[in-house]
């Protein structure tokens, strides 16, 4: 999964000379708790809620603008893989990172919450892909596909052990599926 698939493309940016009061207002509306700072159509930093809080609790606040409190950050490209983005966020301690387009302009912002949302829905997406692949390649039967943490379980009315092996092989071939099991559907009660 790429950064462009999960980033907040509607991210709002501030300029380095934006007063902190205005930055606070923008941050209140920001989903990721951080806002990009852009000068001359280039990302020059990020301001997070934590940056503002640190400034606020100082005995003598000194900062007046976004430039005074922003953290310089290395932007990521929209084609960056989410695993790399997660490692970068966790390694740097940032809440969010700016995503830039091919020209280096701000394309969006990706934060920890975006990654968590993507991981949460990823299993649902995998389950749909597994069910579709199995249904397209095995004579249709009643199927239920569930994926948890990349582990797929296909429940169905399998006609033979061979058919179960084929279903497991198909499910295992879906990118993102780590393991695949089959489970016979419960039969009618007597």
Protein backbone atom coordinates (compact mmCIF):
# COMPACT_ATOMS: atom_id res chain seq x y z
CA UNK A 1 0.00 0.00 0.00
CA UNK A 2 1.31 3.43 -0.94
CA UNK A 3 1.26 6.70 0.97
CA UNK A 4 -0.98 8.23 -1.71
CA UNK A 5 -3.66 5.64 -0.93
CA UNK A 6 -4.04 6.58 2.73
CA UNK A 7 -2.79 10.17 3.08
CA UNK A 8 -5.05 13.09 3.91
CA UNK A 9 -5.05 14.82 0.52
CA UNK A 10 -7.07 17.72 1.91
CA UNK A 11 -4.30 18.73 4.29
CA UNK A 12 -4.05 22.44 4.98
CA UNK A 13 -0.66 24.10 5.23
CA UNK A 14 0.56 27.24 6.95
CA UNK A 15 3.36 29.61 6.01
CA UNK A 16 6.47 30.09 8.18
CA UNK A 17 5.26 33.58 9.17
CA UNK A 18 1.78 32.38 10.24
CA UNK A 19 1.09 33.57 13.81
CA UNK A 20 0.81 30.80 16.40
CA UNK A 21 -2.80 31.73 17.19
CA UNK A 22 -3.73 30.96 13.55
CA UNK A 23 -1.63 27.78 13.59
CA UNK A 24 -3.60 26.65 16.67
CA UNK A 25 -6.88 27.11 14.78
CA UNK A 26 -5.62 25.11 11.81
CA UNK A 27 -4.37 22.36 14.12
CA UNK A 28 -7.76 22.08 15.79
CA UNK A 29 -9.20 21.13 12.41
CA UNK A 30 -6.27 18.92 11.39
CA UNK A 31 -6.98 15.22 11.62
CA UNK A 32 -3.40 14.19 12.26
CA UNK A 33 -2.49 16.65 15.01
CA UNK A 34 0.15 18.24 12.79
CA UNK A 35 0.22 20.74 9.95
CA UNK A 36 2.77 21.25 7.18
CA UNK A 37 4.70 24.51 6.91
CA UNK A 38 5.19 25.54 3.27
CA UNK A 39 7.34 28.32 1.78
CA UNK A 40 7.71 28.95 -1.96
CA UNK A 41 5.62 25.84 -2.70
CA UNK A 42 8.07 23.62 -0.77
CA UNK A 43 7.55 21.88 2.56
CA UNK A 44 9.98 23.32 5.10
CA UNK A 45 8.67 21.74 8.30
CA UNK A 46 5.76 20.53 10.41
CA UNK A 47 4.09 21.97 13.50
CA UNK A 48 2.39 19.52 15.85
CA UNK A 49 0.12 20.00 18.82
CA UNK A 50 3.09 18.94 20.94
CA UNK A 51 5.23 21.74 19.51
CA UNK A 52 2.61 24.30 20.52
CA UNK A 53 2.14 22.74 23.94
CA UNK A 54 5.89 22.83 24.63
CA UNK A 55 5.96 26.52 23.74
CA UNK A 56 2.88 27.25 25.86
CA UNK A 57 4.30 25.69 29.05
CA UNK A 58 7.55 27.63 28.88
CA UNK A 59 7.81 30.17 31.66
CA UNK A 60 8.47 32.89 29.09
CA UNK A 61 7.00 31.98 25.70
CA UNK A 62 9.29 33.19 22.94
CA UNK A 63 7.72 31.91 19.76
CA UNK A 64 5.43 34.02 17.66
CA UNK A 65 5.20 32.20 14.31
CA UNK A 66 5.11 28.71 12.83
CA UNK A 67 8.78 29.03 11.88
CA UNK A 68 9.66 29.51 15.56
CA UNK A 69 8.24 26.14 16.65
CA UNK A 70 8.26 23.94 13.54
CA UNK A 71 10.31 20.79 13.27
CA UNK A 72 12.27 20.37 10.08
CA UNK A 73 11.14 17.09 8.54
CA UNK A 74 12.08 15.03 5.56
CA UNK A 75 8.97 14.78 3.39
CA UNK A 76 7.99 11.47 1.85
CA UNK A 77 6.84 10.90 -1.70
CA UNK A 78 3.34 9.78 -2.58
CA UNK A 79 4.83 6.51 -3.86
CA UNK A 80 6.45 5.61 -0.52
CA UNK A 81 5.35 2.27 0.89
CA UNK A 82 3.35 2.43 4.10
CA UNK A 83 5.78 0.13 5.92
CA UNK A 84 8.59 2.60 5.24
CA UNK A 85 6.37 5.48 6.37
CA UNK A 86 5.55 3.66 9.62
CA UNK A 87 9.25 3.01 10.32
CA UNK A 88 10.08 6.66 9.64
CA UNK A 89 7.27 7.98 11.87
CA UNK A 90 8.16 5.63 14.72
CA UNK A 91 11.89 6.25 14.31
CA UNK A 92 11.59 10.03 14.39
CA UNK A 93 8.79 10.31 16.93
CA UNK A 94 6.77 12.56 14.60
CA UNK A 95 2.96 12.31 14.63
CA UNK A 96 2.71 12.98 10.91
CA UNK A 97 4.79 13.59 7.82
CA UNK A 98 4.17 15.70 4.75
CA UNK A 99 3.67 13.85 1.46
CA UNK A 100 5.05 15.59 -1.63
CA UNK A 101 4.25 15.19 -5.31
CA UNK A 102 6.79 14.78 -8.10
CA UNK A 103 7.50 18.52 -8.11
CA UNK A 104 8.11 18.64 -4.35
CA UNK A 105 4.83 20.40 -3.62
CA UNK A 106 2.56 19.37 -0.76
CA UNK A 107 0.25 16.53 -1.84
CA UNK A 108 -1.03 15.65 1.61
CA UNK A 109 -0.17 14.59 5.13
CA UNK A 110 0.07 11.07 6.49
CA UNK A 111 -0.09 10.40 10.20
CA UNK A 112 -0.10 7.54 12.63
CA UNK A 113 -3.90 7.51 12.62
CA UNK A 114 -3.91 7.06 8.82
CA UNK A 115 -1.61 4.06 9.16
CA UNK A 116 -3.73 2.55 11.93
CA UNK A 117 -6.88 2.98 9.83
CA UNK A 118 -5.19 1.36 6.84
CA UNK A 119 -4.03 -1.62 8.87
CA UNK A 120 -7.48 -2.03 10.37
CA UNK A 121 -9.23 -2.10 7.00
CA UNK A 122 -6.51 -4.04 5.25
CA UNK A 123 -7.79 -7.37 6.57
CA UNK A 124 -11.25 -6.55 5.22
CA UNK A 125 -9.77 -5.81 1.80
CA UNK A 126 -7.78 -9.05 1.88
CA UNK A 127 -10.90 -11.04 2.79
CA UNK A 128 -12.74 -9.65 -0.24
CA UNK A 129 -9.79 -10.46 -2.51
CA UNK A 130 -9.55 -14.01 -1.15
CA UNK A 131 -13.29 -14.65 -1.62
CA UNK A 132 -13.26 -13.26 -5.15
CA UNK A 133 -10.23 -15.30 -6.20
CA UNK A 134 -11.66 -18.51 -4.74
CA UNK A 135 -15.13 -17.91 -6.23
CA UNK A 136 -13.62 -17.15 -9.66
CA UNK A 137 -11.52 -20.32 -9.70
CA UNK A 138 -13.48 -22.95 -7.80
CA UNK A 139 -17.01 -24.10 -8.61
CA UNK A 140 -19.18 -21.72 -6.60
CA UNK A 141 -20.25 -22.93 -3.21
CA UNK A 142 -21.27 -21.11 -0.06
CA UNK A 143 -18.10 -19.35 1.07
CA UNK A 144 -17.18 -17.15 3.97
CA UNK A 145 -13.75 -15.54 4.03
CA UNK A 146 -12.23 -13.89 7.07
CA UNK A 147 -8.75 -12.44 7.48
CA UNK A 148 -7.24 -11.46 10.81
CA UNK A 149 -3.73 -10.03 10.96
CA UNK A 150 -3.06 -11.46 7.50
CA UNK A 151 -4.26 -14.96 8.43
CA UNK A 152 -7.06 -16.13 6.12
CA UNK A 153 -9.77 -18.65 6.99
CA UNK A 154 -12.08 -19.79 4.20
CA UNK A 155 -15.20 -21.55 5.43
CA UNK A 156 -17.24 -23.44 2.86
CA UNK A 157 -18.91 -26.60 1.66
CA UNK A 158 -15.88 -28.29 0.15
CA UNK A 159 -16.44 -31.39 -1.98
CA UNK A 160 -13.02 -32.97 -1.40
CA UNK A 161 -9.67 -32.63 0.30
CA UNK A 162 -8.21 -31.67 -3.08
CA UNK A 163 -10.64 -28.77 -3.36
CA UNK A 164 -9.64 -27.58 0.12
CA UNK A 165 -5.95 -27.68 -0.88
CA UNK A 166 -6.72 -25.64 -4.02
CA UNK A 167 -8.66 -23.09 -1.94
CA UNK A 168 -5.76 -22.79 0.54
CA UNK A 169 -3.28 -22.34 -2.32
CA UNK A 170 -5.45 -19.66 -3.93
CA UNK A 171 -5.92 -17.81 -0.64
CA UNK A 172 -2.18 -17.99 0.08
CA UNK A 173 -1.43 -16.42 -3.31
CA UNK A 174 -3.17 -13.14 -2.40
CA UNK A 175 -0.50 -10.54 -1.57
CA UNK A 176 -0.71 -9.70 2.13
CA UNK A 177 -2.06 -13.09 3.22
CA UNK A 178 0.47 -14.77 5.52
CA UNK A 179 -1.32 -18.05 6.18
CA UNK A 180 -4.45 -19.69 4.82
CA UNK A 181 -6.71 -22.34 6.36
CA UNK A 182 -9.95 -23.93 5.31
CA UNK A 183 -12.79 -24.86 7.58
CA UNK A 184 -15.81 -26.95 6.55
CA UNK A 185 -19.10 -25.13 6.92
CA UNK A 186 -21.22 -26.49 9.76
CA UNK A 187 -23.80 -28.97 8.46
CA UNK A 188 -27.50 -29.01 9.31
CA UNK A 189 -28.36 -30.22 12.79
CA UNK A 190 -30.25 -33.49 13.15
